[in-house]
Amino acid sequence: MGADVVITEVDPLKALEAVMDGHRVMAMEEAARVGDFFITVTGNLKVIRKEHFAAMKDGAIVCNSGHFNVEIDIPALERLARRRKMVREGVEQFLLPNGRRINLLGEGRLVNLALAEGHPSSVMDMSFANQALAVEYLVKHGRSLKNQVYPVPAAIDKEIARLKLAAMGVTIDRLTKEQEKYLASWDMGT
C-alpha cells in the first residue's frame, strides 16, 4: 500500500530473504531514527528498548503483534518518560525529556487482540484445524517420538492450506507425474 517497510532482523537468512523481497534491512538502532511506526512480531523480549525510544522521531507509534507484552521494554519507556497520558482509548502517549512523544498501542499487548476483535474466524479455523490434526498425529505416532518439541509436520500444514484454498474457491496447479519424477531425480540436467 505504498509503505516504506524496513525490516530489523537477527537471523541472517531471514534478513537476506527480506532484502531479496525488496525491503530495506537495518539494525534496530538505525531503524529507530528513521521509522514512524514500529511493529514487533518476534516472540522475544525487549526488542524495542530504551536506546531505541530515545532515538525515535516525535510522534512515533509503537505496537506489538508477536508475543505477550514483553517485546517492547515498557518499564524502560515508563522510566524514560517525563509524563504519560491516554490520548484515546488504546493509545498511551509518553513524553520524553527531549520533548518527543512516543505513542504505545494497546499497552504493548498483541494489537490484533487488545485493540481489534481478535483473530478473524477465517484465520482461527485454520489454527484449530492445525491443532486438531497435530493432536491426531500425536495419538497415532506419539509412542515412536522422542520426548522433545516438534514442529507440526509439513504434510498437515499443506493439507490445511489445500482445504482452505478449496473452501475459498481458489484453484492451484498440481505437478504432473513427469514433473514429480523430474524434481525427485537427477536423470536430466545437473
Protein backbone atom coordinates (compact mmCIF):
# COMPACT_ATOMS: atom_id res chain seq x y z
CA MET A 1 0.00 0.00 0.00
CA GLY A 2 2.95 2.28 -0.59
CA ALA A 3 4.61 1.94 2.81
CA ASP A 4 8.38 2.05 3.02
CA VAL A 5 8.91 -1.10 5.08
CA VAL A 6 12.16 -1.56 6.96
CA ILE A 7 12.99 -4.92 8.48
CA THR A 8 15.17 -5.41 11.54
CA GLU A 9 16.35 -8.96 11.95
CA VAL A 10 18.80 -11.14 13.88
CA ASP A 11 18.64 -14.16 11.57
CA PRO A 12 20.88 -13.68 8.51
CA LEU A 13 18.73 -15.96 6.33
CA LYS A 14 15.54 -14.08 7.13
CA ALA A 15 17.35 -10.77 6.65
CA LEU A 16 18.54 -11.93 3.23
CA GLU A 17 15.01 -13.04 2.32
CA ALA A 18 13.72 -9.58 3.26
CA VAL A 19 16.40 -7.89 1.13
CA MET A 20 15.61 -10.20 -1.79
CA ASP A 21 11.90 -9.33 -1.36
CA GLY A 22 12.82 -5.68 -1.89
CA HIS A 23 12.80 -4.42 1.70
CA ARG A 24 15.45 -2.34 3.39
CA VAL A 25 17.09 -4.22 6.26
CA MET A 26 18.98 -2.48 9.04
CA ALA A 27 19.78 -2.73 12.73
CA MET A 28 17.10 -1.50 15.13
CA GLU A 29 19.48 1.24 16.28
CA GLU A 30 19.35 2.76 12.78
CA ALA A 31 15.68 1.95 12.14
CA ALA A 32 14.67 3.71 15.37
CA ARG A 33 15.90 7.00 13.89
CA VAL A 34 14.01 6.71 10.60
CA GLY A 35 10.79 4.87 11.43
CA ASP A 36 7.36 6.30 12.11
CA PHE A 37 5.52 3.11 13.03
CA PHE A 38 7.13 0.15 14.78
CA ILE A 39 5.58 -3.31 15.00
CA THR A 40 7.30 -6.14 16.82
CA VAL A 41 6.48 -9.68 15.72
CA THR A 42 9.37 -11.68 17.14
CA GLY A 43 8.21 -13.70 20.13
CA ASN A 44 11.25 -12.39 22.01
CA LEU A 45 11.65 -9.88 24.81
CA LYS A 46 12.98 -6.31 24.82
CA VAL A 47 13.18 -5.98 21.06
CA ILE A 48 12.50 -2.25 21.35
CA ARG A 49 14.50 -0.82 24.25
CA LYS A 50 15.41 2.46 25.98
CA GLU A 51 18.09 3.41 23.44
CA HIS A 52 15.59 2.92 20.62
CA PHE A 53 12.90 5.07 22.27
CA ALA A 54 15.46 7.82 22.83
CA ALA A 55 16.29 7.86 19.09
CA MET A 56 12.70 7.78 17.75
CA LYS A 57 11.01 10.67 15.96
CA ASP A 58 8.38 12.77 17.66
CA GLY A 59 5.03 11.04 17.35
CA ALA A 60 6.40 7.56 16.70
CA ILE A 61 3.87 4.78 17.14
CA VAL A 62 4.95 1.53 18.79
CA CYS A 63 2.99 -1.70 19.00
CA ASN A 64 3.41 -5.43 19.35
CA SER A 65 1.85 -8.26 17.44
CA GLY A 66 4.24 -11.02 18.36
CA HIS A 67 4.15 -12.32 21.91
CA PHE A 68 2.59 -11.10 25.16
CA ASN A 69 3.68 -7.60 26.17
CA VAL A 70 7.40 -8.29 26.60
CA GLU A 71 8.69 -7.42 23.13
CA ILE A 72 8.55 -3.70 23.91
CA ASP A 73 10.51 -2.72 27.03
CA ILE A 74 7.60 -0.82 28.56
CA PRO A 75 9.26 -0.40 32.00
CA ALA A 76 12.19 1.33 30.25
CA LEU A 77 9.77 3.60 28.37
CA GLU A 78 7.98 4.43 31.62
CA ARG A 79 11.28 5.31 33.33
CA LEU A 80 12.39 7.40 30.36
CA ALA A 81 9.16 9.42 30.15
CA ARG A 82 8.57 12.70 31.97
CA ARG A 83 4.82 12.32 31.63
CA ARG A 84 2.33 9.96 30.14
CA LYS A 85 -1.32 10.28 29.20
CA MET A 86 -4.06 8.42 27.40
CA VAL A 87 -4.72 10.31 24.17
CA ARG A 88 -7.53 8.00 23.17
CA GLU A 89 -8.70 4.53 24.04
CA GLY A 90 -5.83 2.11 23.46
CA VAL A 91 -3.24 4.83 22.79
CA GLU A 92 -0.95 5.97 25.59
CA GLN A 93 1.47 8.79 24.89
CA PHE A 94 4.82 9.05 26.65
CA LEU A 95 6.51 12.46 26.72
CA LEU A 96 10.30 12.11 26.71
CA PRO A 97 12.70 14.63 28.29
CA ASN A 98 13.71 15.85 24.81
CA GLY A 99 10.06 16.81 24.10
CA ARG A 100 9.40 13.97 21.69
CA ARG A 101 6.33 11.82 22.12
CA ILE A 102 6.12 8.04 21.78
CA ASN A 103 2.64 6.51 21.33
CA LEU A 104 2.17 2.98 22.66
CA LEU A 105 -0.77 0.99 21.32
CA GLY A 106 -2.76 -1.49 23.39
CA GLU A 107 -0.47 -1.42 26.44
CA GLY A 108 2.11 -3.28 24.36
CA ARG A 109 -0.16 -6.30 24.12
CA LEU A 110 -0.94 -8.05 20.84
CA VAL A 111 -2.72 -5.32 18.88
CA ASN A 112 -4.93 -7.73 16.97
CA LEU A 113 -6.35 -8.91 20.30
CA ALA A 114 -6.03 -5.81 22.52
CA LEU A 115 -7.38 -3.25 20.05
CA ALA A 116 -9.32 -5.21 17.49
CA GLU A 117 -11.77 -8.05 17.74
CA GLY A 118 -9.19 -10.80 17.85
CA HIS A 119 -8.33 -13.15 15.06
CA PRO A 120 -10.99 -13.43 12.37
CA SER A 121 -12.74 -16.78 12.05
CA SER A 122 -11.08 -17.19 8.64
CA VAL A 123 -7.76 -17.47 10.49
CA MET A 124 -8.95 -19.32 13.58
CA ASP A 125 -10.47 -22.17 11.57
CA MET A 126 -7.03 -22.96 10.19
CA SER A 127 -5.44 -22.67 13.63
CA PHE A 128 -7.95 -25.04 15.19
CA ALA A 129 -7.67 -27.47 12.27
CA ASN A 130 -3.89 -27.42 12.70
CA GLN A 131 -4.19 -28.13 16.42
CA ALA A 132 -6.71 -30.93 15.92
CA LEU A 133 -4.66 -32.65 13.22
CA ALA A 134 -1.48 -32.26 15.29
CA VAL A 135 -3.20 -33.99 18.23
CA GLU A 136 -4.38 -36.76 15.90
CA TYR A 137 -0.78 -37.14 14.68
CA LEU A 138 0.45 -37.42 18.28
CA VAL A 139 -2.13 -40.07 19.09
CA LYS A 140 -1.06 -42.11 16.06
CA HIS A 141 2.70 -41.57 16.27
CA GLY A 142 3.40 -40.39 19.81
CA ARG A 143 4.89 -43.63 21.09
CA SER A 144 7.62 -43.51 18.44
CA LEU A 145 8.58 -39.87 19.12
CA LYS A 146 11.31 -38.72 21.46
CA ASN A 147 10.37 -36.51 24.39
CA GLN A 148 11.05 -33.13 22.72
CA VAL A 149 9.30 -30.31 20.91
CA TYR A 150 8.47 -30.99 17.26
CA PRO A 151 7.16 -28.68 14.55
CA VAL A 152 3.81 -29.59 13.06
CA PRO A 153 4.53 -31.94 10.15
CA ALA A 154 4.59 -30.09 6.81
CA ALA A 155 2.04 -32.54 5.40
CA ILE A 156 -0.52 -31.30 7.93
CA ASP A 157 0.15 -27.63 7.11
CA LYS A 158 -0.11 -28.38 3.37
CA GLU A 159 -3.37 -30.29 3.79
CA ILE A 160 -4.93 -27.45 5.79
CA ALA A 161 -3.76 -24.95 3.14
CA ARG A 162 -5.22 -27.15 0.38
CA LEU A 163 -8.57 -27.41 2.17
CA LYS A 164 -8.68 -23.68 2.93
CA LEU A 165 -7.94 -22.76 -0.68
CA ALA A 166 -10.67 -25.16 -1.86
CA ALA A 167 -13.15 -23.63 0.60
CA MET A 168 -12.26 -20.18 -0.75
CA GLY A 169 -12.80 -21.35 -4.33
CA VAL A 170 -9.12 -20.91 -5.20
CA THR A 171 -7.58 -23.42 -7.56
CA ILE A 172 -3.88 -24.03 -7.93
CA ASP A 173 -1.84 -26.16 -10.29
CA ARG A 174 -0.64 -29.66 -9.48
CA LEU A 175 2.58 -31.20 -10.62
CA THR A 176 2.25 -33.75 -13.39
CA LYS A 177 3.75 -37.20 -12.83
CA GLU A 178 6.51 -36.22 -15.24
CA GLN A 179 7.25 -33.06 -13.21
CA GLU A 180 7.25 -35.00 -9.93
CA LYS A 181 9.71 -37.53 -11.38
CA TYR A 182 11.96 -34.77 -12.72
CA LEU A 183 12.08 -32.92 -9.38
CA ALA A 184 12.81 -36.13 -7.47
CA SER A 185 15.64 -37.35 -9.69
CA TRP A 186 18.91 -36.41 -11.31
CA ASP A 187 18.16 -38.19 -14.58
CA MET A 188 18.06 -34.99 -16.60
CA GLY A 189 20.33 -31.99 -16.25
CA THR A 190 22.80 -31.40 -13.48
